Amino acid sequence: MKNSLLITFEGLDGAGKTTQINLFQQYLQQLHLPYVYLREPGGTVLGEEIRTLLKSTRADLKINDLAELLLFSAARAEIIAEKIKPALAAGKIVIMDRFIDSTLAYQGGGRGLDADLVNSLCRNILGDLVIDRTYYLDLPRAVAVQRLQQTGKAAEDRLDLIADEEFWRRVRSVYLHLQKQETRYLLLDATAAVPVVQAQIKADFSQLLEQLQR
């Protein structure tokens, strides 16, 4: 598995994750590096079904915070076993649009669930899997909302409808705390121009490749 890398992208919706991930995939294609792109929740039949539930705005659908945590965790357990580990074993680079840190930030920070419970569940599901790099695109919630509105992507799903501004403050606070604690993090200013951010990602990724070849 030394020829493989697990790369995760994190940040609020509107931070530009999709744009940066698409550009990064183009970069990997130019380098002729085999890779797999996956999203959370999703990526598997079970994961996509869970995603539909979690994002539903049905008035009669009630999902309490603990149930939400367990649903995200179930989707993650499946995608690790079904997609991530086989791809890494095959020597591929795995790109994740959200992963464990989203749960720590949204369910642990935003929802305010017991930190020890959330951490323990996340770590147990992760097992011996190692995240090689996390690209965290940081920006204020207000800027993220403005961007979503400008691009016509501001339609709220269930997760947005039950969150207030304090929720988003707590989410960002957890991300900023993680980037200080975890050496795998690269903090990126998402208010910068798209090419500037992508250049930082490429430069960092080149260093990761060099380390693999040593």
Protein backbone atom coordinates (compact mmCIF):
# COMPACT_ATOMS: atom_id res chain seq x y z
CA MET A 1 0.00 0.00 0.00
CA LYS A 2 3.06 2.32 -0.09
CA ASN A 3 2.24 3.38 -3.66
CA SER A 4 -1.16 4.63 -2.58
CA LEU A 5 -2.40 7.77 -0.83
CA LEU A 6 -5.60 8.67 0.96
CA ILE A 7 -6.39 12.33 0.34
CA THR A 8 -9.39 14.06 1.93
CA PHE A 9 -10.94 17.44 1.15
CA GLU A 10 -12.82 19.26 3.90
CA GLY A 11 -14.62 22.56 4.34
CA LEU A 12 -18.01 24.22 4.47
CA ASP A 13 -20.30 23.96 1.46
CA GLY A 14 -19.39 26.94 -0.68
CA ALA A 15 -15.68 26.78 0.16
CA GLY A 16 -14.88 25.49 -3.32
CA LYS A 17 -14.23 21.82 -2.57
CA THR A 18 -15.90 20.60 -5.76
CA THR A 19 -13.91 23.00 -7.93
CA GLN A 20 -10.60 22.11 -6.30
CA ILE A 21 -11.32 18.38 -6.40
CA ASN A 22 -12.17 18.55 -10.12
CA LEU A 23 -8.96 20.43 -10.87
CA PHE A 24 -6.97 17.99 -8.74
CA GLN A 25 -8.42 15.05 -10.65
CA GLN A 26 -7.37 16.69 -13.92
CA TYR A 27 -3.88 17.07 -12.47
CA LEU A 28 -3.71 13.37 -11.55
CA GLN A 29 -4.84 12.47 -15.05
CA GLN A 30 -2.04 14.58 -16.50
CA LEU A 31 0.42 12.71 -14.29
CA HIS A 32 -1.13 9.38 -15.39
CA LEU A 33 -1.69 8.39 -11.77
CA PRO A 34 -4.49 5.91 -11.02
CA TYR A 35 -7.05 7.29 -8.62
CA VAL A 36 -10.57 6.86 -7.27
CA TYR A 37 -12.89 9.72 -6.36
CA LEU A 38 -15.49 9.11 -3.64
CA ARG A 39 -17.86 11.26 -1.62
CA GLU A 40 -19.35 11.03 1.85
CA PRO A 41 -21.97 10.05 2.54
CA GLY A 42 -22.25 8.03 -0.64
CA GLY A 43 -19.93 6.07 -2.88
CA THR A 44 -21.74 2.78 -2.37
CA VAL A 45 -25.33 1.61 -2.81
CA LEU A 46 -25.85 1.75 0.94
CA GLY A 47 -24.07 5.09 1.23
CA GLU A 48 -26.17 6.73 -1.46
CA GLU A 49 -29.38 5.51 0.18
CA ILE A 50 -28.20 6.96 3.49
CA ARG A 51 -27.25 10.20 1.74
CA THR A 52 -30.79 10.52 0.39
CA LEU A 53 -32.20 10.09 3.90
CA LEU A 54 -29.80 12.53 5.53
CA LYS A 55 -30.44 15.26 2.98
CA SER A 56 -34.19 14.78 2.73
CA THR A 57 -36.47 17.72 3.61
CA ARG A 58 -39.54 15.55 4.18
CA ALA A 59 -41.60 17.05 7.00
CA ASP A 60 -42.41 13.63 8.44
CA LEU A 61 -38.79 12.44 8.56
CA LYS A 62 -37.25 12.82 12.01
CA ILE A 63 -33.59 12.01 12.60
CA ASN A 64 -32.19 12.84 16.01
CA ASP A 65 -28.54 13.79 16.42
CA LEU A 66 -27.35 10.37 17.60
CA ALA A 67 -29.20 8.62 14.79
CA GLU A 68 -27.59 11.05 12.34
CA LEU A 69 -24.14 10.20 13.70
CA LEU A 70 -24.80 6.48 13.35
CA LEU A 71 -26.11 6.84 9.80
CA PHE A 72 -22.99 8.71 8.72
CA SER A 73 -20.90 6.07 10.49
CA ALA A 74 -22.71 3.20 8.75
CA ALA A 75 -22.09 4.79 5.36
CA ARG A 76 -18.41 5.27 6.25
CA ALA A 77 -17.92 1.70 7.45
CA GLU A 78 -19.30 0.45 4.13
CA ILE A 79 -17.26 2.73 1.88
CA ILE A 80 -14.04 1.88 3.72
CA ALA A 81 -14.61 -1.85 3.33
CA GLU A 82 -16.11 -1.80 -0.16
CA LYS A 83 -14.17 0.95 -1.91
CA ILE A 84 -11.34 2.65 -0.03
CA LYS A 85 -9.29 -0.30 1.21
CA PRO A 86 -9.47 -2.23 -2.10
CA ALA A 87 -8.41 0.91 -4.03
CA LEU A 88 -5.46 1.55 -1.72
CA ALA A 89 -4.44 -2.11 -1.90
CA ALA A 90 -4.42 -1.78 -5.69
CA GLY A 91 -1.97 1.12 -5.43
CA LYS A 92 -4.45 3.85 -6.28
CA ILE A 93 -4.82 7.34 -4.89
CA VAL A 94 -8.15 7.78 -3.12
CA ILE A 95 -9.73 11.24 -3.13
CA MET A 96 -12.45 11.75 -0.54
CA ASP A 97 -14.94 14.60 -0.69
CA ARG A 98 -15.44 14.70 3.10
CA PHE A 99 -14.45 11.98 5.53
CA ILE A 100 -13.92 11.52 9.25
CA ASP A 101 -13.29 15.19 9.99
CA SER A 102 -16.74 16.18 8.73
CA THR A 103 -18.26 13.99 11.44
CA LEU A 104 -15.96 15.44 14.10
CA ALA A 105 -16.89 18.97 12.98
CA TYR A 106 -20.59 18.63 12.18
CA GLN A 107 -21.84 16.00 14.62
CA GLY A 108 -19.23 16.56 17.33
CA GLY A 109 -18.97 20.33 17.06
CA GLY A 110 -22.11 21.53 15.33
CA ARG A 111 -24.58 19.13 16.92
CA GLY A 112 -22.72 19.15 20.22
CA LEU A 113 -22.68 15.38 20.68
CA ASP A 114 -20.31 13.97 23.29
CA ALA A 115 -16.80 14.48 21.92
CA ASP A 116 -15.47 11.23 23.36
CA LEU A 117 -18.32 9.26 21.80
CA VAL A 118 -17.85 10.85 18.36
CA ASN A 119 -14.07 10.46 18.46
CA SER A 120 -14.23 6.86 19.61
CA LEU A 121 -16.75 5.88 16.96
CA CYS A 122 -14.78 7.60 14.21
CA ARG A 123 -11.46 6.10 15.25
CA ASN A 124 -12.89 2.59 15.55
CA ILE A 125 -14.44 2.74 12.09
CA LEU A 126 -11.22 4.15 10.66
CA GLY A 127 -9.23 1.32 12.23
CA ASP A 128 -5.69 1.10 10.82
CA LEU A 129 -6.54 3.32 7.87
CA VAL A 130 -4.24 6.35 7.66
CA ILE A 131 -5.21 9.65 6.04
CA ASP A 132 -2.11 10.94 4.26
CA ARG A 133 -3.29 14.50 3.66
CA THR A 134 -6.33 16.63 4.43
CA TYR A 135 -6.85 19.76 2.36
CA TYR A 136 -9.03 22.04 4.44
CA LEU A 137 -10.56 24.98 2.58
CA ASP A 138 -11.36 27.59 5.19
CA LEU A 139 -13.66 30.59 4.90
CA PRO A 140 -16.37 32.31 6.98
CA ARG A 141 -19.91 30.93 6.73
CA ALA A 142 -21.24 34.26 5.44
CA VAL A 143 -18.87 34.13 2.48
CA ALA A 144 -19.82 30.51 1.81
CA VAL A 145 -23.54 31.37 1.76
CA GLN A 146 -22.92 34.30 -0.58
CA ARG A 147 -21.05 32.05 -2.99
CA LEU A 148 -23.78 29.43 -2.92
CA GLN A 149 -26.39 32.06 -3.68
CA GLN A 150 -24.36 33.44 -6.57
CA THR A 151 -24.00 29.99 -8.12
CA GLY A 152 -27.63 29.04 -7.53
CA LYS A 153 -26.65 26.21 -5.17
CA ALA A 154 -28.13 27.64 -1.99
CA ALA A 155 -31.11 25.27 -1.86
CA GLU A 156 -31.27 24.05 1.71
CA ASP A 157 -31.35 20.39 2.63
CA ARG A 158 -32.28 18.90 6.02
CA LEU A 159 -28.84 19.60 7.46
CA ASP A 160 -29.10 23.31 6.67
CA LEU A 161 -32.67 23.69 7.81
CA ILE A 162 -31.91 22.59 11.37
CA ALA A 163 -28.68 24.58 11.75
CA ASP A 164 -28.25 28.16 13.00
CA GLU A 165 -25.28 30.52 12.88
CA GLU A 166 -23.91 29.20 16.19
CA PHE A 167 -23.91 25.72 14.65
CA TRP A 168 -21.69 26.90 11.79
CA ARG A 169 -19.39 28.74 14.18
CA ARG A 170 -18.85 25.53 16.13
CA VAL A 171 -18.23 23.53 12.95
CA ARG A 172 -15.54 25.91 11.75
CA SER A 173 -14.02 26.03 15.22
CA VAL A 174 -13.53 22.25 15.21
CA TYR A 175 -11.91 22.33 11.78
CA LEU A 176 -9.50 25.06 12.87
CA HIS A 177 -8.68 23.09 16.01
CA LEU A 178 -8.03 19.93 13.99
CA GLN A 179 -5.69 21.68 11.59
CA LYS A 180 -3.59 22.79 14.55
CA GLN A 181 -3.52 19.30 16.08
CA GLU A 182 -3.17 17.06 13.01
CA THR A 183 0.04 17.19 10.96
CA ARG A 184 -1.84 15.75 7.97
CA TYR A 185 -3.75 19.03 7.58
CA LEU A 186 -2.99 21.74 5.05
CA LEU A 187 -4.97 24.89 5.78
CA LEU A 188 -5.99 26.71 2.59
CA ASP A 189 -7.49 30.18 2.40
CA ALA A 190 -10.64 29.51 0.38
CA THR A 191 -11.16 33.24 -0.21
CA ALA A 192 -8.08 33.24 -2.46
CA ALA A 193 -8.35 32.84 -6.23
CA VAL A 194 -9.03 29.30 -7.46
CA PRO A 195 -5.67 28.96 -9.31
CA VAL A 196 -3.79 30.10 -6.20
CA VAL A 197 -5.41 27.45 -4.02
CA GLN A 198 -4.91 24.74 -6.63
CA ALA A 199 -1.24 25.66 -6.97
CA GLN A 200 -0.79 25.17 -3.23
CA ILE A 201 -2.48 21.77 -3.43
CA LYS A 202 -0.32 20.67 -6.35
CA ALA A 203 2.89 21.81 -4.68
CA ASP A 204 2.04 19.95 -1.49
CA PHE A 205 0.96 16.83 -3.37
CA SER A 206 4.24 16.80 -5.28
CA GLN A 207 6.06 16.63 -1.97
CA LEU A 208 3.89 13.70 -0.88
CA LEU A 209 4.79 11.85 -4.07
CA GLU A 210 8.49 12.49 -3.48
CA GLN A 211 8.19 11.04 0.01
CA LEU A 212 6.59 7.89 -1.43
CA GLN A 213 9.50 7.42 -3.82
CA ARG A 214 12.18 7.61 -1.13
